[in-house]
Amino acid sequence: RPPTGDSPFKHTFKEVACIDSKHLDVWQVGWSYAGDC
């Protein structure tokens, strides 16, 4: 879905962590309000 109007942004990403959760199957994940936990 390309933008229908000008979008002056580009986006890149980096995977910074891959945590073995010790769950066989992770069903839920969430951040603390401050984004540090």
PDB file of all heavy atoms in Angstrom:
ATOM      1  N   ARG A   1       0.856  -1.188   0.000  1.00  0.00           N
ATOM      2  CA  ARG A   1       0.000   0.000   0.000  1.00  0.00           C
ATOM      3  C   ARG A   1       0.891   1.237   0.000  1.00  0.00           C
ATOM      4  O   ARG A   1       1.257   1.760   1.046  1.00  0.00           O
ATOM      5  CB  ARG A   1      -0.912  -0.010   1.236  1.00  0.00           C
ATOM      6  CG  ARG A   1      -2.066  -0.992   1.128  1.00  0.00           C
ATOM      7  CD  ARG A   1      -2.883  -0.997   2.396  1.00  0.00           C
ATOM      8  NE  ARG A   1      -3.453   0.280   2.730  1.00  0.00           N
ATOM      9  CZ  ARG A   1      -4.636   0.723   2.292  1.00  0.00           C
ATOM     10  NH1 ARG A   1      -5.348  -0.017   1.485  1.00  0.00           N
ATOM     11  NH2 ARG A   1      -5.094   1.891   2.666  1.00  0.00           N
ATOM     12  N   PRO A   2       1.254   1.721  -1.173  1.00  0.00           N
ATOM     13  CA  PRO A   2       2.069   2.932  -1.233  1.00  0.00           C
ATOM     14  C   PRO A   2       1.243   4.137  -0.821  1.00  0.00           C
ATOM     15  O   PRO A   2       0.013   4.122  -0.891  1.00  0.00           O
ATOM     16  CB  PRO A   2       2.476   3.013  -2.713  1.00  0.00           C
ATOM     17  CG  PRO A   2       1.372   2.300  -3.429  1.00  0.00           C
ATOM     18  CD  PRO A   2       0.937   1.195  -2.511  1.00  0.00           C
ATOM     19  N   PRO A   3       1.886   5.204  -0.377  1.00  0.00           N
ATOM     20  CA  PRO A   3       1.137   6.409   0.006  1.00  0.00           C
ATOM     21  C   PRO A   3       0.447   7.031  -1.197  1.00  0.00           C
ATOM     22  O   PRO A   3       0.978   7.051  -2.306  1.00  0.00           O
ATOM     23  CB  PRO A   3       2.210   7.339   0.581  1.00  0.00           C
ATOM     24  CG  PRO A   3       3.501   6.828   0.025  1.00  0.00           C
ATOM     25  CD  PRO A   3       3.331   5.356  -0.165  1.00  0.00           C
ATOM     26  N   THR A   4      -0.781   7.525  -0.989  1.00  0.00           N
ATOM     27  CA  THR A   4      -1.510   8.214  -2.047  1.00  0.00           C
ATOM     28  C   THR A   4      -1.107   9.683  -2.114  1.00  0.00           C
ATOM     29  O   THR A   4      -1.337  10.351  -3.107  1.00  0.00           O
ATOM     30  CB  THR A   4      -3.026   8.119  -1.815  1.00  0.00           C
ATOM     31  OG1 THR A   4      -3.336   8.671  -0.516  1.00  0.00           O
ATOM     32  CG2 THR A   4      -3.478   6.670  -1.843  1.00  0.00           C
ATOM     33  N   GLY A   5      -0.548  10.175  -1.022  1.00  0.00           N
ATOM     34  CA  GLY A   5      -0.016  11.538  -0.984  1.00  0.00           C
ATOM     35  C   GLY A   5       1.442  11.466  -0.589  1.00  0.00           C
ATOM     36  O   GLY A   5       1.940  10.420  -0.169  1.00  0.00           O
ATOM     37  N   ASP A   6       2.162  12.550  -0.749  1.00  0.00           N
ATOM     38  CA  ASP A   6       3.587  12.548  -0.450  1.00  0.00           C
ATOM     39  C   ASP A   6       3.843  12.107   0.994  1.00  0.00           C
ATOM     40  O   ASP A   6       3.210  12.583   1.931  1.00  0.00           O
ATOM     41  CB  ASP A   6       4.178  13.945  -0.661  1.00  0.00           C
ATOM     42  CG  ASP A   6       4.269  14.294  -2.139  1.00  0.00           C
ATOM     43  OD1 ASP A   6       4.268  13.350  -2.957  1.00  0.00           O
ATOM     44  OD2 ASP A   6       4.326  15.486  -2.471  1.00  0.00           O
ATOM     45  N   SER A   7       4.780  11.196   1.161  1.00  0.00           N
ATOM     46  CA  SER A   7       5.237  10.781   2.481  1.00  0.00           C
ATOM     47  C   SER A   7       6.745  10.974   2.522  1.00  0.00           C
ATOM     48  O   SER A   7       7.486  10.185   1.925  1.00  0.00           O
ATOM     49  CB  SER A   7       4.882   9.313   2.735  1.00  0.00           C
ATOM     50  OG  SER A   7       5.417   8.890   3.968  1.00  0.00           O
ATOM     51  N   PRO A   8       7.206  12.002   3.171  1.00  0.00           N
ATOM     52  CA  PRO A   8       8.638  12.352   3.103  1.00  0.00           C
ATOM     53  C   PRO A   8       9.501  11.556   4.073  1.00  0.00           C
ATOM     54  O   PRO A   8      10.516  12.052   4.539  1.00  0.00           O
ATOM     55  CB  PRO A   8       8.622  13.832   3.477  1.00  0.00           C
ATOM     56  CG  PRO A   8       7.484  13.954   4.435  1.00  0.00           C
ATOM     57  CD  PRO A   8       6.440  12.968   3.961  1.00  0.00           C
ATOM     58  N   PHE A   9       9.119  10.310   4.369  1.00  0.00           N
ATOM     59  CA  PHE A   9       9.843   9.544   5.368  1.00  0.00           C
ATOM     60  C   PHE A   9      10.319   8.210   4.806  1.00  0.00           C
ATOM     61  O   PHE A   9       9.675   7.622   3.939  1.00  0.00           O
ATOM     62  CB  PHE A   9       8.961   9.273   6.595  1.00  0.00           C
ATOM     63  CG  PHE A   9       8.329  10.504   7.173  1.00  0.00           C
ATOM     64  CD1 PHE A   9       6.984  10.746   6.996  1.00  0.00           C
ATOM     65  CD2 PHE A   9       9.090  11.427   7.880  1.00  0.00           C
ATOM     66  CE1 PHE A   9       6.394  11.886   7.519  1.00  0.00           C
ATOM     67  CE2 PHE A   9       8.512  12.569   8.402  1.00  0.00           C
ATOM     68  CZ  PHE A   9       7.159  12.802   8.222  1.00  0.00           C
ATOM     69  N   LYS A  10      11.424   7.747   5.324  1.00  0.00           N
ATOM     70  CA  LYS A  10      11.868   6.392   5.066  1.00  0.00           C
ATOM     71  C   LYS A  10      12.048   5.700   6.407  1.00  0.00           C
ATOM     72  O   LYS A  10      12.275   6.349   7.437  1.00  0.00           O
ATOM     73  CB  LYS A  10      13.169   6.372   4.264  1.00  0.00           C
ATOM     74  CG  LYS A  10      14.402   6.884   5.000  1.00  0.00           C
ATOM     75  CD  LYS A  10      15.641   6.703   4.135  1.00  0.00           C
ATOM     76  CE  LYS A  10      16.898   7.189   4.882  1.00  0.00           C
ATOM     77  NZ  LYS A  10      18.113   7.009   4.060  1.00  0.00           N
ATOM     78  N   HIS A  11      11.932   4.385   6.393  1.00  0.00           N
ATOM     79  CA  HIS A  11      11.928   3.621   7.631  1.00  0.00           C
ATOM     80  C   HIS A  11      12.908   2.458   7.514  1.00  0.00           C
ATOM     81  O   HIS A  11      12.941   1.747   6.512  1.00  0.00           O
ATOM     82  CB  HIS A  11      10.527   3.078   7.922  1.00  0.00           C
ATOM     83  CG  HIS A  11       9.450   4.124   7.857  1.00  0.00           C
ATOM     84  ND1 HIS A  11       9.179   4.960   8.906  1.00  0.00           N
ATOM     85  CD2 HIS A  11       8.598   4.473   6.864  1.00  0.00           C
ATOM     86  CE1 HIS A  11       8.190   5.781   8.560  1.00  0.00           C
ATOM     87  NE2 HIS A  11       7.829   5.495   7.330  1.00  0.00           N
ATOM     88  N   THR A  12      13.702   2.264   8.528  1.00  0.00           N
ATOM     89  CA  THR A  12      14.597   1.120   8.632  1.00  0.00           C
ATOM     90  C   THR A  12      14.454   0.524  10.026  1.00  0.00           C
ATOM     91  O   THR A  12      13.905   1.169  10.928  1.00  0.00           O
ATOM     92  CB  THR A  12      16.070   1.515   8.388  1.00  0.00           C
ATOM     93  OG1 THR A  12      16.445   2.516   9.349  1.00  0.00           O
ATOM     94  CG2 THR A  12      16.271   2.065   6.980  1.00  0.00           C
ATOM     95  N   PHE A  13      14.934  -0.708  10.199  1.00  0.00           N
ATOM     96  CA  PHE A  13      14.831  -1.313  11.520  1.00  0.00           C
ATOM     97  C   PHE A  13      16.063  -2.141  11.826  1.00  0.00           C
ATOM     98  O   PHE A  13      16.851  -2.519  10.945  1.00  0.00           O
ATOM     99  CB  PHE A  13      13.574  -2.183  11.633  1.00  0.00           C
ATOM    100  CG  PHE A  13      13.699  -3.552  11.016  1.00  0.00           C
ATOM    101  CD1 PHE A  13      14.153  -4.638  11.760  1.00  0.00           C
ATOM    102  CD2 PHE A  13      13.345  -3.769   9.695  1.00  0.00           C
ATOM    103  CE1 PHE A  13      14.260  -5.902  11.205  1.00  0.00           C
ATOM    104  CE2 PHE A  13      13.439  -5.037   9.126  1.00  0.00           C
ATOM    105  CZ  PHE A  13      13.905  -6.106   9.883  1.00  0.00           C
ATOM    106  N   LYS A  14      16.225  -2.433  13.107  1.00  0.00           N
ATOM    107  CA  LYS A  14      17.283  -3.307  13.585  1.00  0.00           C
ATOM    108  C   LYS A  14      16.728  -4.171  14.709  1.00  0.00           C
ATOM    109  O   LYS A  14      16.105  -3.649  15.637  1.00  0.00           O
ATOM    110  CB  LYS A  14      18.479  -2.485  14.077  1.00  0.00           C
ATOM    111  CG  LYS A  14      19.632  -3.338  14.613  1.00  0.00           C
ATOM    112  CD  LYS A  14      20.879  -2.493  14.864  1.00  0.00           C
ATOM    113  CE  LYS A  14      20.658  -1.461  15.931  1.00  0.00           C
ATOM    114  NZ  LYS A  14      21.907  -0.704  16.258  1.00  0.00           N
ATOM    115  N   GLU A  15      16.932  -5.478  14.607  1.00  0.00           N
ATOM    116  CA  GLU A  15      16.574  -6.356  15.715  1.00  0.00           C
ATOM    117  C   GLU A  15      17.674  -6.271  16.753  1.00  0.00           C
ATOM    118  O   GLU A  15      18.817  -6.636  16.489  1.00  0.00           O
ATOM    119  CB  GLU A  15      16.414  -7.795  15.230  1.00  0.00           C
ATOM    120  CG  GLU A  15      15.984  -8.748  16.343  1.00  0.00           C
ATOM    121  CD  GLU A  15      15.967 -10.197  15.888  1.00  0.00           C
ATOM    122  OE1 GLU A  15      15.142 -10.541  15.015  1.00  0.00           O
ATOM    123  OE2 GLU A  15      16.805 -10.973  16.405  1.00  0.00           O
ATOM    124  N   VAL A  16      17.341  -5.770  17.951  1.00  0.00           N
ATOM    125  CA  VAL A  16      18.365  -5.534  18.966  1.00  0.00           C
ATOM    126  C   VAL A  16      18.365  -6.585  20.063  1.00  0.00           C
ATOM    127  O   VAL A  16      19.290  -6.621  20.878  1.00  0.00           O
ATOM    128  CB  VAL A  16      18.190  -4.130  19.591  1.00  0.00           C
ATOM    129  CG1 VAL A  16      18.428  -3.056  18.542  1.00  0.00           C
ATOM    130  CG2 VAL A  16      16.817  -3.967  20.227  1.00  0.00           C
ATOM    131  N   ALA A  17      17.350  -7.427  20.106  1.00  0.00           N
ATOM    132  CA  ALA A  17      17.324  -8.484  21.112  1.00  0.00           C
ATOM    133  C   ALA A  17      16.441  -9.619  20.637  1.00  0.00           C
ATOM    134  O   ALA A  17      15.418  -9.396  19.980  1.00  0.00           O
ATOM    135  CB  ALA A  17      16.822  -7.961  22.455  1.00  0.00           C
ATOM    136  N   CYS A  18      16.863 -10.828  20.945  1.00  0.00           N
ATOM    137  CA  CYS A  18      16.080 -12.039  20.684  1.00  0.00           C
ATOM    138  C   CYS A  18      16.148 -12.867  21.959  1.00  0.00           C
ATOM    139  O   CYS A  18      17.135 -13.561  22.215  1.00  0.00           O
ATOM    140  CB  CYS A  18      16.629 -12.790  19.482  1.00  0.00           C
ATOM    141  SG  CYS A  18      15.577 -14.137  18.908  1.00  0.00           S
ATOM    142  N   ILE A  19      15.133 -12.742  22.795  1.00  0.00           N
ATOM    143  CA  ILE A  19      15.149 -13.266  24.155  1.00  0.00           C
ATOM    144  C   ILE A  19      14.485 -14.637  24.196  1.00  0.00           C
ATOM    145  O   ILE A  19      13.326 -14.785  23.790  1.00  0.00           O
ATOM    146  CB  ILE A  19      14.403 -12.314  25.115  1.00  0.00           C
ATOM    147  CG1 ILE A  19      14.931 -10.885  24.982  1.00  0.00           C
ATOM    148  CG2 ILE A  19      14.492 -12.803  26.549  1.00  0.00           C
ATOM    149  CD1 ILE A  19      14.011  -9.844  25.614  1.00  0.00           C
ATOM    150  N   ASP A  20      15.214 -15.630  24.680  1.00  0.00           N
ATOM    151  CA  ASP A  20      14.595 -16.934  24.914  1.00  0.00           C
ATOM    152  C   ASP A  20      13.706 -16.793  26.145  1.00  0.00           C
ATOM    153  O   ASP A  20      14.174 -16.745  27.278  1.00  0.00           O
ATOM    154  CB  ASP A  20      15.669 -17.995  25.136  1.00  0.00           C
ATOM    155  CG  ASP A  20      15.079 -19.402  25.198  1.00  0.00           C
ATOM    156  OD1 ASP A  20      13.844 -19.526  25.331  1.00  0.00           O
ATOM    157  OD2 ASP A  20      15.847 -20.371  25.124  1.00  0.00           O
ATOM    158  N   SER A  21      12.411 -16.723  25.914  1.00  0.00           N
ATOM    159  CA  SER A  21      11.462 -16.391  26.986  1.00  0.00           C
ATOM    160  C   SER A  21      11.277 -17.521  27.996  1.00  0.00           C
ATOM    161  O   SER A  21      10.680 -17.298  29.054  1.00  0.00           O
ATOM    162  CB  SER A  21      10.105 -16.046  26.370  1.00  0.00           C
ATOM    163  OG  SER A  21       9.514 -17.213  25.815  1.00  0.00           O
ATOM    164  N   LYS A  22      11.711 -18.714  27.649  1.00  0.00           N
ATOM    165  CA  LYS A  22      11.495 -19.921  28.451  1.00  0.00           C
ATOM    166  C   LYS A  22      10.052 -20.407  28.385  1.00  0.00           C
ATOM    167  O   LYS A  22       9.695 -21.423  28.979  1.00  0.00           O
ATOM    168  CB  LYS A  22      11.906 -19.708  29.920  1.00  0.00           C
ATOM    169  CG  LYS A  22      13.357 -19.246  30.075  1.00  0.00           C
ATOM    170  CD  LYS A  22      13.686 -18.949  31.528  1.00  0.00           C
ATOM    171  CE  LYS A  22      15.078 -18.322  31.658  1.00  0.00           C
ATOM    172  NZ  LYS A  22      15.360 -17.923  33.042  1.00  0.00           N
ATOM    173  N   HIS A  23       9.190 -19.659  27.649  1.00  0.00           N
ATOM    174  CA  HIS A  23       7.867 -20.172  27.315  1.00  0.00           C
ATOM    175  C   HIS A  23       8.018 -21.029  26.058  1.00  0.00           C
ATOM    176  O   HIS A  23       8.790 -20.696  25.160  1.00  0.00           O
ATOM    177  CB  HIS A  23       6.886 -19.041  26.990  1.00  0.00           C
ATOM    178  CG  HIS A  23       6.810 -17.956  28.018  1.00  0.00           C
ATOM    179  ND1 HIS A  23       6.374 -18.162  29.302  1.00  0.00           N
ATOM    180  CD2 HIS A  23       7.106 -16.635  27.936  1.00  0.00           C
ATOM    181  CE1 HIS A  23       6.403 -17.012  29.971  1.00  0.00           C
ATOM    182  NE2 HIS A  23       6.846 -16.073  29.158  1.00  0.00           N
ATOM    183  N   LEU A  24       7.292 -22.106  25.976  1.00  0.00           N
ATOM    184  CA  LEU A  24       7.298 -22.883  24.734  1.00  0.00           C
ATOM    185  C   LEU A  24       6.651 -22.101  23.604  1.00  0.00           C
ATOM    186  O   LEU A  24       7.007 -22.243  22.442  1.00  0.00           O
ATOM    187  CB  LEU A  24       6.575 -24.216  24.946  1.00  0.00           C
ATOM    188  CG  LEU A  24       7.229 -25.187  25.941  1.00  0.00           C
ATOM    189  CD1 LEU A  24       6.373 -26.429  26.101  1.00  0.00           C
ATOM    190  CD2 LEU A  24       8.638 -25.544  25.495  1.00  0.00           C
ATOM    191  N   ASP A  25       5.680 -21.268  23.961  1.00  0.00           N
ATOM    192  CA  ASP A  25       4.930 -20.478  22.991  1.00  0.00           C
ATOM    193  C   ASP A  25       4.580 -19.165  23.683  1.00  0.00           C
ATOM    194  O   ASP A  25       3.922 -19.169  24.717  1.00  0.00           O
ATOM    195  CB  ASP A  25       3.673 -21.239  22.581  1.00  0.00           C
ATOM    196  CG  ASP A  25       2.971 -20.651  21.368  1.00  0.00           C
ATOM    197  OD1 ASP A  25       3.204 -19.467  21.067  1.00  0.00           O
ATOM    198  OD2 ASP A  25       2.179 -21.370  20.738  1.00  0.00           O
ATOM    199  N   VAL A  26       5.036 -18.046  23.157  1.00  0.00           N
ATOM    200  CA  VAL A  26       4.767 -16.748  23.781  1.00  0.00           C
ATOM    201  C   VAL A  26       3.403 -16.251  23.301  1.00  0.00           C
ATOM    202  O   VAL A  26       3.200 -16.042  22.102  1.00  0.00           O
ATOM    203  CB  VAL A  26       5.848 -15.713  23.417  1.00  0.00           C
ATOM    204  CG1 VAL A  26       5.581 -14.399  24.142  1.00  0.00           C
ATOM    205  CG2 VAL A  26       7.230 -16.237  23.762  1.00  0.00           C
ATOM    206  N   TRP A  27       2.497 -16.034  24.232  1.00  0.00           N
ATOM    207  CA  TRP A  27       1.146 -15.602  23.860  1.00  0.00           C
ATOM    208  C   TRP A  27       0.937 -14.105  24.051  1.00  0.00           C
ATOM    209  O   TRP A  27       0.122 -13.504  23.347  1.00  0.00           O
ATOM    210  CB  TRP A  27       0.108 -16.382  24.660  1.00  0.00           C
ATOM    211  CG  TRP A  27      -0.114 -17.749  24.103  1.00  0.00           C
ATOM    212  CD1 TRP A  27       0.473 -18.916  24.501  1.00  0.00           C
ATOM    213  CD2 TRP A  27      -0.960 -18.091  23.001  1.00  0.00           C
ATOM    214  NE1 TRP A  27       0.047 -19.964  23.718  1.00  0.00           N
ATOM    215  CE2 TRP A  27      -0.839 -19.490  22.798  1.00  0.00           C
ATOM    216  CE3 TRP A  27      -1.805 -17.369  22.179  1.00  0.00           C
ATOM    217  CZ2 TRP A  27      -1.537 -20.166  21.793  1.00  0.00           C
ATOM    218  CZ3 TRP A  27      -2.508 -18.044  21.181  1.00  0.00           C
ATOM    219  CH2 TRP A  27      -2.370 -19.420  20.995  1.00  0.00           C
ATOM    220  N   GLN A  28       1.629 -13.511  24.995  1.00  0.00           N
ATOM    221  CA  GLN A  28       1.444 -12.080  25.229  1.00  0.00           C
ATOM    222  C   GLN A  28       2.782 -11.433  25.556  1.00  0.00           C
ATOM    223  O   GLN A  28       3.635 -12.032  26.217  1.00  0.00           O
ATOM    224  CB  GLN A  28       0.460 -11.824  26.381  1.00  0.00           C
ATOM    225  CG  GLN A  28      -0.986 -12.167  26.040  1.00  0.00           C
ATOM    226  CD  GLN A  28      -1.942 -11.789  27.157  1.00  0.00           C
ATOM    227  OE1 GLN A  28      -1.655 -11.980  28.333  1.00  0.00           O
ATOM    228  NE2 GLN A  28      -3.083 -11.241  26.796  1.00  0.00           N
ATOM    229  N   VAL A  29       2.940 -10.199  25.097  1.00  0.00           N
ATOM    230  CA  VAL A  29       4.126  -9.413  25.406  1.00  0.00           C
ATOM    231  C   VAL A  29       3.691  -7.960  25.540  1.00  0.00           C
ATOM    232  O   VAL A  29       2.780  -7.502  24.838  1.00  0.00           O
ATOM    233  CB  VAL A  29       5.207  -9.581  24.311  1.00  0.00           C
ATOM    234  CG1 VAL A  29       4.733  -9.047  22.965  1.00  0.00           C
ATOM    235  CG2 VAL A  29       6.500  -8.926  24.721  1.00  0.00           C
ATOM    236  N   GLY A  30       4.306  -7.236  26.467  1.00  0.00           N
ATOM    237  CA  GLY A  30       3.910  -5.844  26.671  1.00  0.00           C
ATOM    238  C   GLY A  30       5.009  -5.049  27.339  1.00  0.00           C
ATOM    239  O   GLY A  30       5.852  -5.602  28.062  1.00  0.00           O
ATOM    240  N   TRP A  31       5.000  -3.748  27.084  1.00  0.00           N
ATOM    241  CA  TRP A  31       5.966  -2.827  27.670  1.00  0.00           C
ATOM    242  C   TRP A  31       5.405  -2.166  28.916  1.00  0.00           C
ATOM    243  O   TRP A  31       4.194  -1.943  29.014  1.00  0.00           O
ATOM    244  CB  TRP A  31       6.329  -1.728  26.675  1.00  0.00           C
ATOM    245  CG  TRP A  31       7.114  -2.172  25.487  1.00  0.00           C
ATOM    246  CD1 TRP A  31       6.641  -2.435  24.231  1.00  0.00           C
ATOM    247  CD2 TRP A  31       8.529  -2.396  25.439  1.00  0.00           C
ATOM    248  NE1 TRP A  31       7.668  -2.818  23.412  1.00  0.00           N
ATOM    249  CE2 TRP A  31       8.837  -2.803  24.114  1.00  0.00           C
ATOM    250  CE3 TRP A  31       9.561  -2.301  26.377  1.00  0.00           C
ATOM    251  CZ2 TRP A  31      10.142  -3.104  23.709  1.00  0.00           C
ATOM    252  CZ3 TRP A  31      10.851  -2.606  25.975  1.00  0.00           C
ATOM    253  CH2 TRP A  31      11.138  -3.000  24.658  1.00  0.00           C
ATOM    254  N   SER A  32       6.281  -1.805  29.829  1.00  0.00           N
ATOM    255  CA  SER A  32       5.899  -0.912  30.916  1.00  0.00           C
ATOM    256  C   SER A  32       5.623   0.465  30.330  1.00  0.00           C
ATOM    257  O   SER A  32       5.989   0.766  29.192  1.00  0.00           O
ATOM    258  CB  SER A  32       7.017  -0.817  31.956  1.00  0.00           C
ATOM    259  OG  SER A  32       8.182  -0.230  31.381  1.00  0.00           O
ATOM    260  N   TYR A  33       4.980   1.329  31.113  1.00  0.00           N
ATOM    261  CA  TYR A  33       4.615   2.648  30.591  1.00  0.00           C
ATOM    262  C   TYR A  33       5.855   3.435  30.174  1.00  0.00           C
ATOM    263  O   TYR A  33       5.835   4.172  29.187  1.00  0.00           O
ATOM    264  CB  TYR A  33       3.826   3.442  31.637  1.00  0.00           C
ATOM    265  CG  TYR A  33       3.320   4.769  31.115  1.00  0.00           C
ATOM    266  CD1 TYR A  33       2.182   4.822  30.314  1.00  0.00           C
ATOM    267  CD2 TYR A  33       3.984   5.961  31.408  1.00  0.00           C
ATOM    268  CE1 TYR A  33       1.720   6.025  29.818  1.00  0.00           C
ATOM    269  CE2 TYR A  33       3.524   7.163  30.908  1.00  0.00           C
ATOM    270  CZ  TYR A  33       2.390   7.191  30.120  1.00  0.00           C
ATOM    271  OH  TYR A  33       1.936   8.378  29.619  1.00  0.00           O
ATOM    272  N   ALA A  34       6.957   3.270  30.896  1.00  0.00           N
ATOM    273  CA  ALA A  34       8.187   3.992  30.582  1.00  0.00           C
ATOM    274  C   ALA A  34       8.973   3.347  29.444  1.00  0.00           C
ATOM    275  O   ALA A  34       9.946   3.921  28.945  1.00  0.00           O
ATOM    276  CB  ALA A  34       9.073   4.095  31.818  1.00  0.00           C
ATOM    277  N   GLY A  35       8.575   2.146  29.032  1.00  0.00           N
ATOM    278  CA  GLY A  35       9.252   1.485  27.933  1.00  0.00           C
ATOM    279  C   GLY A  35      10.603   0.899  28.304  1.00  0.00           C
ATOM    280  O   GLY A  35      11.433   0.647  27.432  1.00  0.00           O
ATOM    281  N   ASP A  36      10.832   0.636  29.589  1.00  0.00           N
ATOM    282  CA  ASP A  36      12.130   0.098  30.007  1.00  0.00           C
ATOM    283  C   ASP A  36      12.040  -1.327  30.541  1.00  0.00           C
ATOM    284  O   ASP A  36      13.063  -1.924  30.875  1.00  0.00           O
ATOM    285  CB  ASP A  36      12.760   1.003  31.063  1.00  0.00           C
ATOM    286  CG  ASP A  36      11.879   1.171  32.301  1.00  0.00           C
ATOM    287  OD1 ASP A  36      10.690   0.782  32.242  1.00  0.00           O
ATOM    288  OD2 ASP A  36      12.368   1.697  33.307  1.00  0.00           O
ATOM    289  N   CYS A  37      10.839  -1.874  30.642  1.00  0.00           N
ATOM    290  CA  CYS A  37      10.649  -3.236  31.112  1.00  0.00           C
ATOM    291  C   CYS A  37       9.659  -3.954  30.191  1.00  0.00           C
ATOM    292  O   CYS A  37       8.773  -3.331  29.605  1.00  0.00           O
ATOM    293  CB  CYS A  37      10.101  -3.264  32.542  1.00  0.00           C
ATOM    294  SG  CYS A  37      11.171  -2.496  33.765  1.00  0.00           S
TER     295      CYS A  37
END
